[in-house]
Amino acid sequence: MATEQRTVTVWQGRVPLRVHAEGQGPAVVFFHGPWGLTWGPFLDALARSFTVYAPEHPGTTPGEPDAVQHVDSLWDLVLCYDELLDHLRLHDAMLVGHSFGAMVACEVAALRPSRVRRLALIDPIGLWRDDAPVTNWMLVAPQDLPGYVFREPEGAAAKALFSIPEDPEDAALARTRLTWAMGCTGKFIWPIPDKGLKKRIHRVEAPTLLVWGQDDRLVPLAYADEFARRLAKTRVEVVKGAGHAPHLEQPEAASRVVAAFLTAS
């Protein structure tokens, strides 16, 4: 099944959002994390039961790096995605997000509770505890980053996301794209306590699944309890053998629990 791509322009025509779509069935919108969109086995598995829409965050689309310059704040970004869902005519959708994308999904669900039927958050950020600080990956040396994101930094998932080509020109381009993607999302993340999700999360009404990699070095597992106690209808699934990106490192296990949750009555 081929993934379709289209660009939807929002925010008074200033912000192009490229959206990947695949599958048939109820609508699921996937918001990716800080390192760009990876369409792999996890989304393929969801697309067997759902129509999956996966937008690329502003500025992370090749050829459209300046799009992020027109989005000044996290709140602007959330409203951009609210407009995108209107364009896609998704008024009763299920949202799935990873890391920063989970933070965005949670904000969208808080903005318009009636438009979100179910919410699945994979290792979300957005809350802060002084006794368990979230690691700022913007400050992690590039060679050390795989060890923070993945339980197995030399594994296939880590290499697929962070591998650098041998050709010098291709290597420079890959490093630039990765750094730029982190910058495009980091703009809306730090400092986490100032972004305000803590003040708005009570507005989320949708049943919520929290999926957490057991060995997350970026966002400690303690945050699963932090999110769970602030969300009214929540359950937690811990994925063994995974770090901050269980949907990439253990796609079969992650897709199984997410799909089961999304199809539950």
Foldseek 3Di string as FASTA:
>chain_A
DDWDWDWDADDVRLAIKIKTKAADEAEEEEEEDLQWDDDDDLVVLVRPHHIYIYITQTCLDPPRNCNLVSQQELVSSLVRVVVVCVVVVQQAHAYEYAALGLVSQLVNCLVPVRRHAEYEYQLYDQDQDPVFGFDDLLPPDLVCSLVQFKVDCPDPLNCVRRPADPPPVSRVVSVVSRNSSNVSSVSHPPPRVPNQCLVRSLSHDHAYEYEYECARNRGHPVVVVVSVVSYDHYDYDYDYRTYRCCCRRVVVVVSVVVSVVVPDD
